[in-house]
Structure formats: C-alpha cells, structure tokens
N, C-alpha and C. Protein backbone atom coordinates (compact mmCIF):
# COMPACT_ATOMS: atom_id res chain seq x y z
N UNK A 1 13.08 38.51 -0.02
CA UNK A 1 13.64 37.50 1.22
C UNK A 1 12.60 36.93 1.86
N UNK A 2 13.24 35.76 1.85
CA UNK A 2 12.06 33.99 2.52
C UNK A 2 12.68 34.03 4.02
N UNK A 3 11.27 33.21 4.20
CA UNK A 3 11.53 33.24 5.62
C UNK A 3 13.04 31.65 5.88
N UNK A 4 13.33 32.32 6.92
CA UNK A 4 14.50 31.14 7.57
C UNK A 4 14.81 29.62 7.61
N UNK A 5 13.55 29.28 7.38
CA UNK A 5 12.56 28.20 8.33
C UNK A 5 12.41 27.42 6.34
N UNK A 6 12.08 28.13 5.24
CA UNK A 6 11.18 27.72 4.02
C UNK A 6 13.07 27.76 3.92
N UNK A 7 13.84 27.90 4.11
CA UNK A 7 15.53 27.88 3.34
C UNK A 7 16.56 26.98 3.75
N UNK A 8 15.71 26.83 4.93
CA UNK A 8 16.47 25.10 5.94
C UNK A 8 15.91 24.11 5.42
N UNK A 9 14.48 24.17 4.32
CA UNK A 9 13.99 23.28 4.37
C UNK A 9 14.31 22.68 3.16
N UNK A 10 14.60 23.99 2.06
CA UNK A 10 14.76 23.71 0.87
C UNK A 10 16.53 22.87 0.76
N UNK A 11 17.50 23.31 1.82
CA UNK A 11 18.57 22.32 1.79
C UNK A 11 18.87 21.17 2.01
N UNK A 12 17.94 20.83 2.75
CA UNK A 12 17.64 19.40 3.38
C UNK A 12 16.35 18.46 3.11
N UNK A 13 16.45 17.41 2.86
CA UNK A 13 15.75 16.89 2.27
C UNK A 13 14.52 16.26 2.93
N UNK A 14 13.33 15.80 3.17
CA UNK A 14 12.41 15.66 3.95
C UNK A 14 12.99 13.99 4.08
N UNK A 15 12.81 13.55 5.87
CA UNK A 15 13.25 12.01 5.61
C UNK A 15 11.74 11.68 6.92
N UNK A 16 11.99 10.10 6.58
CA UNK A 16 10.92 9.57 7.59
C UNK A 16 11.70 9.33 8.71
N UNK A 17 10.86 10.02 9.92
CA UNK A 17 11.70 9.27 10.95
C UNK A 17 11.49 7.85 11.98
N UNK A 18 10.88 7.13 11.05
CA UNK A 18 10.83 5.81 11.88
C UNK A 18 12.15 5.07 10.41
N UNK A 19 13.55 4.60 11.10
CA UNK A 19 14.34 4.03 9.94
C UNK A 19 13.53 2.71 9.45
N UNK A 20 14.21 2.54 8.23
CA UNK A 20 13.49 1.71 6.79
C UNK A 20 13.33 -0.22 7.11
N UNK A 21 14.65 -0.01 8.34
CA UNK A 21 14.38 -1.36 8.62
C UNK A 21 12.93 -1.39 9.62
N UNK A 22 12.77 -0.77 10.43
CA UNK A 22 11.48 -1.12 11.48
C UNK A 22 10.14 -0.79 10.66
N UNK A 23 10.20 -0.44 9.84
CA UNK A 23 8.97 0.11 8.99
C UNK A 23 8.26 -1.44 8.35
N UNK A 24 9.50 -2.10 8.09
CA UNK A 24 8.31 -2.97 7.46
C UNK A 24 7.91 -3.31 8.64
N UNK A 25 8.10 -4.49 9.83
CA UNK A 25 7.95 -4.89 11.14
C UNK A 25 6.74 -3.69 11.42
N UNK A 26 6.88 -2.14 11.80
CA UNK A 26 5.82 -1.41 11.37
C UNK A 26 4.34 -2.47 10.71
N UNK A 27 4.61 -1.86 8.82
CA UNK A 27 3.18 -2.10 8.00
C UNK A 27 2.87 -3.71 8.31
N UNK A 28 3.57 -4.70 8.91
CA UNK A 28 3.03 -6.26 9.10
C UNK A 28 2.30 -6.33 10.17
N UNK A 29 2.74 -5.53 11.40
CA UNK A 29 1.92 -5.17 12.57
C UNK A 29 0.60 -4.33 12.41
N UNK A 30 0.41 -3.25 11.55
CA UNK A 30 -0.15 -2.40 11.27
C UNK A 30 -1.33 -3.46 10.22
N UNK A 31 -1.15 -4.22 9.55
CA UNK A 31 -2.26 -5.04 8.83
C UNK A 31 -2.55 -5.97 9.03
N UNK A 32 -1.72 -6.73 10.15
CA UNK A 32 -2.08 -7.47 11.44
C UNK A 32 -3.58 -7.16 11.76
N UNK A 33 -3.36 -6.24 12.64
CA UNK A 33 -4.18 -5.14 13.49
C UNK A 33 -5.76 -5.04 12.54
N UNK A 34 -5.38 -4.69 11.13
CA UNK A 34 -6.12 -4.07 10.19
C UNK A 34 -7.58 -4.81 10.22
N UNK A 35 -6.32 -6.37 9.39
CA UNK A 35 -7.53 -8.02 9.11
C UNK A 35 -8.38 -8.09 10.84
N UNK A 36 -7.70 -8.36 12.01
CA UNK A 36 -8.09 -8.35 13.23
C UNK A 36 -9.06 -7.53 13.56
N UNK A 37 -9.34 -5.89 13.31
CA UNK A 37 -10.20 -4.95 13.18
C UNK A 37 -11.46 -5.42 12.67
N UNK A 38 -10.85 -6.02 11.53
CA UNK A 38 -12.20 -5.91 10.36
C UNK A 38 -13.26 -6.39 11.05
N UNK A 39 -12.78 -7.95 11.37
CA UNK A 39 -13.53 -8.92 11.85
C UNK A 39 -13.85 -8.82 12.85
N UNK A 40 -13.26 -8.58 14.11
CA UNK A 40 -14.09 -8.05 15.29
C UNK A 40 -15.24 -7.18 14.73
N UNK A 41 -14.89 -5.76 14.00
CA UNK A 41 -16.18 -5.14 13.96
C UNK A 41 -17.46 -6.07 13.40
N UNK A 42 -16.91 -6.90 12.26
CA UNK A 42 -17.33 -7.14 11.59
C UNK A 42 -18.66 -8.28 11.85
N UNK A 43 -18.11 -8.86 13.05
CA UNK A 43 -19.07 -10.00 13.92
C UNK A 43 -19.84 -8.91 14.65
N UNK A 44 -18.95 -7.75 15.18
CA UNK A 44 -19.70 -7.01 16.49
C UNK A 44 -20.59 -6.62 15.61
N UNK A 45 -20.89 -6.00 14.66
CA UNK A 45 -22.08 -5.60 13.73
C UNK A 45 -23.06 -6.71 13.47
N UNK A 46 -22.79 -7.70 13.25
CA UNK A 46 -23.40 -8.94 12.66
C UNK A 46 -24.21 -9.01 14.01
N UNK A 47 -23.57 -9.35 15.24
CA UNK A 47 -24.12 -9.49 16.75
C UNK A 47 -25.59 -8.45 17.14
N UNK A 48 -25.00 -7.46 16.30
CA UNK A 48 -25.92 -5.97 17.14
C UNK A 48 -27.25 -6.40 15.96
N UNK A 49 -27.38 -6.83 14.90
CA UNK A 49 -28.39 -6.97 14.00
C UNK A 49 -29.09 -8.40 14.29
N UNK A 50 -28.80 -9.07 14.81
CA UNK A 50 -29.17 -10.52 15.41
C UNK A 50 -29.66 -10.70 16.68
N UNK A 51 -29.04 -10.56 18.02
CA UNK A 51 -28.92 -10.96 18.80
C UNK A 51 -30.65 -10.11 18.99
N UNK A 52 -30.81 -8.61 18.67
CA UNK A 52 -32.36 -7.75 18.74
C UNK A 52 -32.93 -8.74 18.29
N UNK A 53 -32.90 -9.47 16.87
CA UNK A 53 -33.57 -9.72 16.16
C UNK A 53 -34.28 -11.36 17.17
N UNK A 54 -33.45 -12.42 17.23
CA UNK A 54 -33.33 -13.33 18.12
C UNK A 54 -34.46 -12.74 19.19
N UNK A 55 -34.34 -11.24 19.85
CA UNK A 55 -35.20 -11.50 21.42
C UNK A 55 -36.65 -10.91 20.62
N UNK A 56 -36.69 -10.15 19.23
CA UNK A 56 -38.13 -9.85 19.44
C UNK A 56 -38.80 -11.46 18.54
N UNK A 57 -38.26 -12.19 18.32
CA UNK A 57 -38.74 -13.24 17.60
C UNK A 57 -39.20 -14.53 18.86
N UNK A 58 -38.37 -13.85 20.45
CA UNK A 58 -38.38 -15.15 20.93
C UNK A 58 -37.72 -16.05 21.31
N UNK A 59 -37.09 -16.19 20.45
CA UNK A 59 -35.54 -17.38 20.44
C UNK A 59 -34.45 -16.97 21.34
N UNK A 60 -34.66 -15.94 21.82
CA UNK A 60 -33.44 -15.93 23.03
C UNK A 60 -33.58 -15.76 24.64
C-alpha cells in the first residue's frame, strides 16, 4: 500500500507555477540583474584592493 500523496503525485504531472509567457520576462530580468551584479561586485572588489594600496603609498 502506497502513501496517498505519492499516488496523487504520480497521477498529476509536475508543472511550473509561473506561466510560460511570464517565464521569458523573468529570465531576461534575472540575466540583466546578473550582469549588473557581476560588474557591481567586480568594481567594488577592485576598489577594496586599490584604495588601501593608494592610502599605503600616500597617494590618496
């Protein structure tokens, strides 16, 4: 005897809760945020390295 929830899951195929048309918009938005986030943290990381170096050299 199987669990009732297991039987229900087998009868009904899994579906994404987000409609197909909206998924494309979400993926585009996530990609834009991903690129912007990458460059934000890249620049932030470089500044964390450059500013202490310039302070140590007395140039800032």
